[in-house]
């Protein structure tokens, strides 16, 4: 998945994994050494995220159903808990510095682009 800040025309990540299963959600980023620029993990229906037992800091963004950023927590160190604000629907764990590099702020609107949708759109555009 690609996560784009529509208000600032910046990309937060182009290789964002979706934590779609219970196992993915529980495991999260545990066991990884780092997140590379462009990578991340996307959660739906998320009330909080933690960095217990993680080996590196991350940036965390909470977003409502419309894509509006409700909370942007930069440089969340290991062994921390970050509660979601009311109305949060999605959460995204990103590499350290992603919030700063994309200039993302509370109130901005994010767009979530499935990679399959992007490929289909390009294919249709080239076929025309």
C-alpha atoms as a PDB file:
ATOM      1  CA  UNK A   1       0.000   0.000   0.000  1.00  0.00           C
ATOM      2  CA  UNK A   2       1.079   3.562  -0.669  1.00  0.00           C
ATOM      3  CA  UNK A   3       0.269   6.199   1.951  1.00  0.00           C
ATOM      4  CA  UNK A   4       0.181   9.738   0.604  1.00  0.00           C
ATOM      5  CA  UNK A   5      -0.364  13.029   2.414  1.00  0.00           C
ATOM      6  CA  UNK A   6      -2.851  14.697   0.057  1.00  0.00           C
ATOM      7  CA  UNK A   7      -2.573  18.116   1.725  1.00  0.00           C
ATOM      8  CA  UNK A   8       1.212  18.349   1.398  1.00  0.00           C
ATOM      9  CA  UNK A   9       1.662  16.152  -1.701  1.00  0.00           C
ATOM     10  CA  UNK A  10       4.186  13.930   0.073  1.00  0.00           C
ATOM     11  CA  UNK A  11       4.550  10.168   0.380  1.00  0.00           C
ATOM     12  CA  UNK A  12       4.826   8.604   3.828  1.00  0.00           C
ATOM     13  CA  UNK A  13       5.488   5.154   2.433  1.00  0.00           C
ATOM     14  CA  UNK A  14       5.201   3.132  -0.742  1.00  0.00           C
ATOM     15  CA  UNK A  15       5.706  -0.328   0.773  1.00  0.00           C
ATOM     16  CA  UNK A  16       3.253  -0.268   3.670  1.00  0.00           C
ATOM     17  CA  UNK A  17       2.158  -3.728   4.790  1.00  0.00           C
ATOM     18  CA  UNK A  18      -1.397  -4.259   6.016  1.00  0.00           C
ATOM     19  CA  UNK A  19      -1.735  -6.131   9.313  1.00  0.00           C
ATOM     20  CA  UNK A  20      -4.773  -8.025   8.055  1.00  0.00           C
ATOM     21  CA  UNK A  21      -4.744 -11.120  10.263  1.00  0.00           C
ATOM     22  CA  UNK A  22      -4.817 -11.547  14.027  1.00  0.00           C
ATOM     23  CA  UNK A  23      -1.281 -12.965  13.894  1.00  0.00           C
ATOM     24  CA  UNK A  24      -0.021  -9.955  11.880  1.00  0.00           C
ATOM     25  CA  UNK A  25      -1.665  -7.570  14.342  1.00  0.00           C
ATOM     26  CA  UNK A  26      -0.200  -9.250  17.418  1.00  0.00           C
ATOM     27  CA  UNK A  27       3.282  -9.669  15.951  1.00  0.00           C
ATOM     28  CA  UNK A  28       3.427  -6.190  14.444  1.00  0.00           C
ATOM     29  CA  UNK A  29       7.072  -5.210  13.984  1.00  0.00           C
ATOM     30  CA  UNK A  30       8.427  -7.599  16.626  1.00  0.00           C
ATOM     31  CA  UNK A  31      11.497  -9.490  15.486  1.00  0.00           C
ATOM     32  CA  UNK A  32      12.499  -6.928  12.876  1.00  0.00           C
ATOM     33  CA  UNK A  33      15.805  -5.120  13.065  1.00  0.00           C
ATOM     34  CA  UNK A  34      14.490  -1.906  11.510  1.00  0.00           C
ATOM     35  CA  UNK A  35      12.056  -0.301   9.108  1.00  0.00           C
ATOM     36  CA  UNK A  36      13.563   1.023   5.902  1.00  0.00           C
ATOM     37  CA  UNK A  37      12.398   4.329   4.410  1.00  0.00           C
ATOM     38  CA  UNK A  38       9.129   3.740   2.588  1.00  0.00           C
ATOM     39  CA  UNK A  39       8.133   0.745   4.696  1.00  0.00           C
ATOM     40  CA  UNK A  40       5.540   0.589   7.445  1.00  0.00           C
ATOM     41  CA  UNK A  41       2.669  -1.320   8.983  1.00  0.00           C
ATOM     42  CA  UNK A  42      -1.011  -0.360   8.647  1.00  0.00           C
ATOM     43  CA  UNK A  43      -3.669  -1.318  11.218  1.00  0.00           C
ATOM     44  CA  UNK A  44      -7.449  -1.007  10.953  1.00  0.00           C
ATOM     45  CA  UNK A  45      -9.695  -0.664  14.057  1.00  0.00           C
ATOM     46  CA  UNK A  46      -6.778   0.210  16.305  1.00  0.00           C
ATOM     47  CA  UNK A  47      -7.192   1.699  19.804  1.00  0.00           C
ATOM     48  CA  UNK A  48      -3.516   1.706  20.781  1.00  0.00           C
ATOM     49  CA  UNK A  49      -0.080   0.577  19.666  1.00  0.00           C
ATOM     50  CA  UNK A  50       2.898  -0.375  21.755  1.00  0.00           C
ATOM     51  CA  UNK A  51       6.595  -0.720  21.107  1.00  0.00           C
ATOM     52  CA  UNK A  52       7.239  -3.331  23.813  1.00  0.00           C
ATOM     53  CA  UNK A  53      10.196  -5.559  22.902  1.00  0.00           C
ATOM     54  CA  UNK A  54      10.907  -3.646  19.710  1.00  0.00           C
ATOM     55  CA  UNK A  55      14.540  -2.913  18.855  1.00  0.00           C
ATOM     56  CA  UNK A  56      14.132   0.531  17.301  1.00  0.00           C
ATOM     57  CA  UNK A  57      12.030   3.708  17.547  1.00  0.00           C
ATOM     58  CA  UNK A  58       9.179   4.402  15.119  1.00  0.00           C
ATOM     59  CA  UNK A  59       6.780   7.169  14.127  1.00  0.00           C
ATOM     60  CA  UNK A  60       3.065   6.436  14.685  1.00  0.00           C
ATOM     61  CA  UNK A  61       0.110   8.163  13.039  1.00  0.00           C
ATOM     62  CA  UNK A  62      -3.554   7.748  13.990  1.00  0.00           C
ATOM     63  CA  UNK A  63      -6.170   8.581  11.366  1.00  0.00           C
ATOM     64  CA  UNK A  64      -9.992   8.674  11.291  1.00  0.00           C
ATOM     65  CA  UNK A  65     -12.180   6.912   8.697  1.00  0.00           C
ATOM     66  CA  UNK A  66     -11.954   9.866   6.308  1.00  0.00           C
ATOM     67  CA  UNK A  67      -8.126   9.846   6.381  1.00  0.00           C
ATOM     68  CA  UNK A  68      -7.745  12.883   8.653  1.00  0.00           C
ATOM     69  CA  UNK A  69      -4.655  12.740  10.861  1.00  0.00           C
ATOM     70  CA  UNK A  70      -5.744  12.849  14.505  1.00  0.00           C
ATOM     71  CA  UNK A  71      -2.383  12.213  16.173  1.00  0.00           C
ATOM     72  CA  UNK A  72       1.215  12.127  14.953  1.00  0.00           C
ATOM     73  CA  UNK A  73       3.692  10.652  17.440  1.00  0.00           C
ATOM     74  CA  UNK A  74       7.294  10.988  16.279  1.00  0.00           C
ATOM     75  CA  UNK A  75      10.288   9.113  17.682  1.00  0.00           C
ATOM     76  CA  UNK A  76       8.385   6.586  19.805  1.00  0.00           C
ATOM     77  CA  UNK A  77      11.074   4.662  21.640  1.00  0.00           C
ATOM     78  CA  UNK A  78      10.882   0.936  22.502  1.00  0.00           C
ATOM     79  CA  UNK A  79       8.734  -0.077  25.497  1.00  0.00           C
ATOM     80  CA  UNK A  80       6.179   2.727  25.081  1.00  0.00           C
ATOM     81  CA  UNK A  81       2.387   2.677  24.722  1.00  0.00           C
ATOM     82  CA  UNK A  82       0.702   5.172  22.387  1.00  0.00           C
ATOM     83  CA  UNK A  83      -3.060   5.416  22.893  1.00  0.00           C
ATOM     84  CA  UNK A  84      -5.274   6.368  19.989  1.00  0.00           C
ATOM     85  CA  UNK A  85      -7.393   9.506  20.201  1.00  0.00           C
ATOM     86  CA  UNK A  86     -11.179   9.231  20.029  1.00  0.00           C
ATOM     87  CA  UNK A  87     -12.491   8.568  16.510  1.00  0.00           C
ATOM     88  CA  UNK A  88      -9.203   6.957  15.418  1.00  0.00           C
ATOM     89  CA  UNK A  89      -9.847   4.152  12.956  1.00  0.00           C
ATOM     90  CA  UNK A  90      -6.462   3.481  11.371  1.00  0.00           C
ATOM     91  CA  UNK A  91      -2.929   3.462  12.744  1.00  0.00           C
ATOM     92  CA  UNK A  92       0.323   3.416  10.815  1.00  0.00           C
ATOM     93  CA  UNK A  93       3.780   2.538  12.146  1.00  0.00           C
ATOM     94  CA  UNK A  94       6.476   4.211  10.070  1.00  0.00           C
ATOM     95  CA  UNK A  95      10.267   4.503  10.117  1.00  0.00           C
ATOM     96  CA  UNK A  96      11.758   7.088  12.426  1.00  0.00           C
ATOM     97  CA  UNK A  97      11.670  10.485  10.701  1.00  0.00           C
ATOM     98  CA  UNK A  98       8.799   9.717   8.285  1.00  0.00           C
ATOM     99  CA  UNK A  99       6.513  12.281   9.922  1.00  0.00           C
ATOM    100  CA  UNK A 100       9.178  14.981   9.704  1.00  0.00           C
ATOM    101  CA  UNK A 101      10.240  14.136   6.128  1.00  0.00           C
ATOM    102  CA  UNK A 102       6.642  14.195   4.876  1.00  0.00           C
ATOM    103  CA  UNK A 103       5.832  17.311   6.930  1.00  0.00           C
ATOM    104  CA  UNK A 104       2.675  15.535   8.151  1.00  0.00           C
ATOM    105  CA  UNK A 105       0.627  17.414  10.756  1.00  0.00           C
ATOM    106  CA  UNK A 106      -2.556  16.816  12.733  1.00  0.00           C
ATOM    107  CA  UNK A 107      -5.451  17.797  10.467  1.00  0.00           C
ATOM    108  CA  UNK A 108      -3.774  16.689   7.230  1.00  0.00           C
ATOM    109  CA  UNK A 109      -5.584  14.153   5.042  1.00  0.00           C
ATOM    110  CA  UNK A 110      -3.941  10.891   4.040  1.00  0.00           C
ATOM    111  CA  UNK A 111      -4.854   8.744   1.058  1.00  0.00           C
ATOM    112  CA  UNK A 112      -4.345   4.986   1.016  1.00  0.00           C
ATOM    113  CA  UNK A 113      -3.607   3.520  -2.400  1.00  0.00           C
ATOM    114  CA  UNK A 114      -3.630  -0.223  -2.826  1.00  0.00           C
ATOM    115  CA  UNK A 115      -0.742  -1.246  -5.057  1.00  0.00           C
ATOM    116  CA  UNK A 116      -3.048  -3.552  -7.060  1.00  0.00           C
ATOM    117  CA  UNK A 117      -5.375  -0.591  -7.735  1.00  0.00           C
ATOM    118  CA  UNK A 118      -2.425   1.488  -8.923  1.00  0.00           C
ATOM    119  CA  UNK A 119      -1.265  -1.249 -11.326  1.00  0.00           C
ATOM    120  CA  UNK A 120      -4.815  -1.664 -12.688  1.00  0.00           C
ATOM    121  CA  UNK A 121      -5.121   2.121 -13.179  1.00  0.00           C
ATOM    122  CA  UNK A 122      -1.805   2.266 -15.051  1.00  0.00           C
ATOM    123  CA  UNK A 123      -2.793  -0.718 -17.191  1.00  0.00           C
ATOM    124  CA  UNK A 124      -6.114   0.897 -18.151  1.00  0.00           C
ATOM    125  CA  UNK A 125      -4.383   4.203 -18.907  1.00  0.00           C
ATOM    126  CA  UNK A 126      -1.842   2.500 -21.206  1.00  0.00           C
ATOM    127  CA  UNK A 127      -4.526   0.447 -22.942  1.00  0.00           C
ATOM    128  CA  UNK A 128      -6.496   3.535 -23.950  1.00  0.00           C
END
